[in-house]
């Protein structure tokens, strides 16, 4: 599957398009990737890049309208509010030399009961993004491994190896060898969602399919399976907005008249 890149302009912006030539494609198709905030154009193998560019340009208005609906990014910086295990936390930069990160609770005096919890990030300001990301990945790793062990113990199997990655298309996966992979962005979701994904992938150790037997195992491990799947259907794409870089669109530079 060959990949090229092109851009199209519309309404004062340029949009990045990833062109993917696929052997089974018989026509040009477009889709929007919320995770990477860009568009993908699937093209037949023998099609010309100029033809793909023409097709994308003809659909520039559609691309523009769809990308405008993708939730904007929320950077890891002082003042940003992000969910941690489904609960809102405000990032607070603490200007000290020691680069520590910790969770904290606001003082509640009756007047600020709706104030979010805090994520304190110490050290130099330019390191907030990296330290926040590393801290959250660490939380995900701990939560995932704990959930994997819990569900493995219930099935009386050895806990499989679990790796945390920044995946785009899947929240979790199980290889043919039994190794599990999970997205670190699950830390933004409520705890029952992460627990469901762990139960789902552990169940694949016994059933490498999505048969009725497989779903019976999952639902036995996680009674909140249906609720978790519904939550992911509605809110899953939004998990990619936190700490993401807006790469799919950029403003055009003014042209000289």
Foldseek 3Di string as FASTA:
>chain_A
DDWDWDWEDDDQKIFIEIEAADCPDPAWDKDAALLQLHMYIYGHPPDDVVVVVVVCHVCVVVSVVVSVPRDAFFAQAAQTWAAFLQFIAGEHEDEDQDFDWDWAADDDDPPPPVDGTYIYTYHDRVCRRVSVVVVLLVVLVVLLQVLQVVLCVVVVHDRAAEAEDQDRPDQKEADPVGYIYGYSLCRRHNSLLSSLRSLLSSLCVVPVDPDPVSVVSSCVSRVCNVVSVVCCVVCVSVSSRYNHDNDGMDGDDDDDD
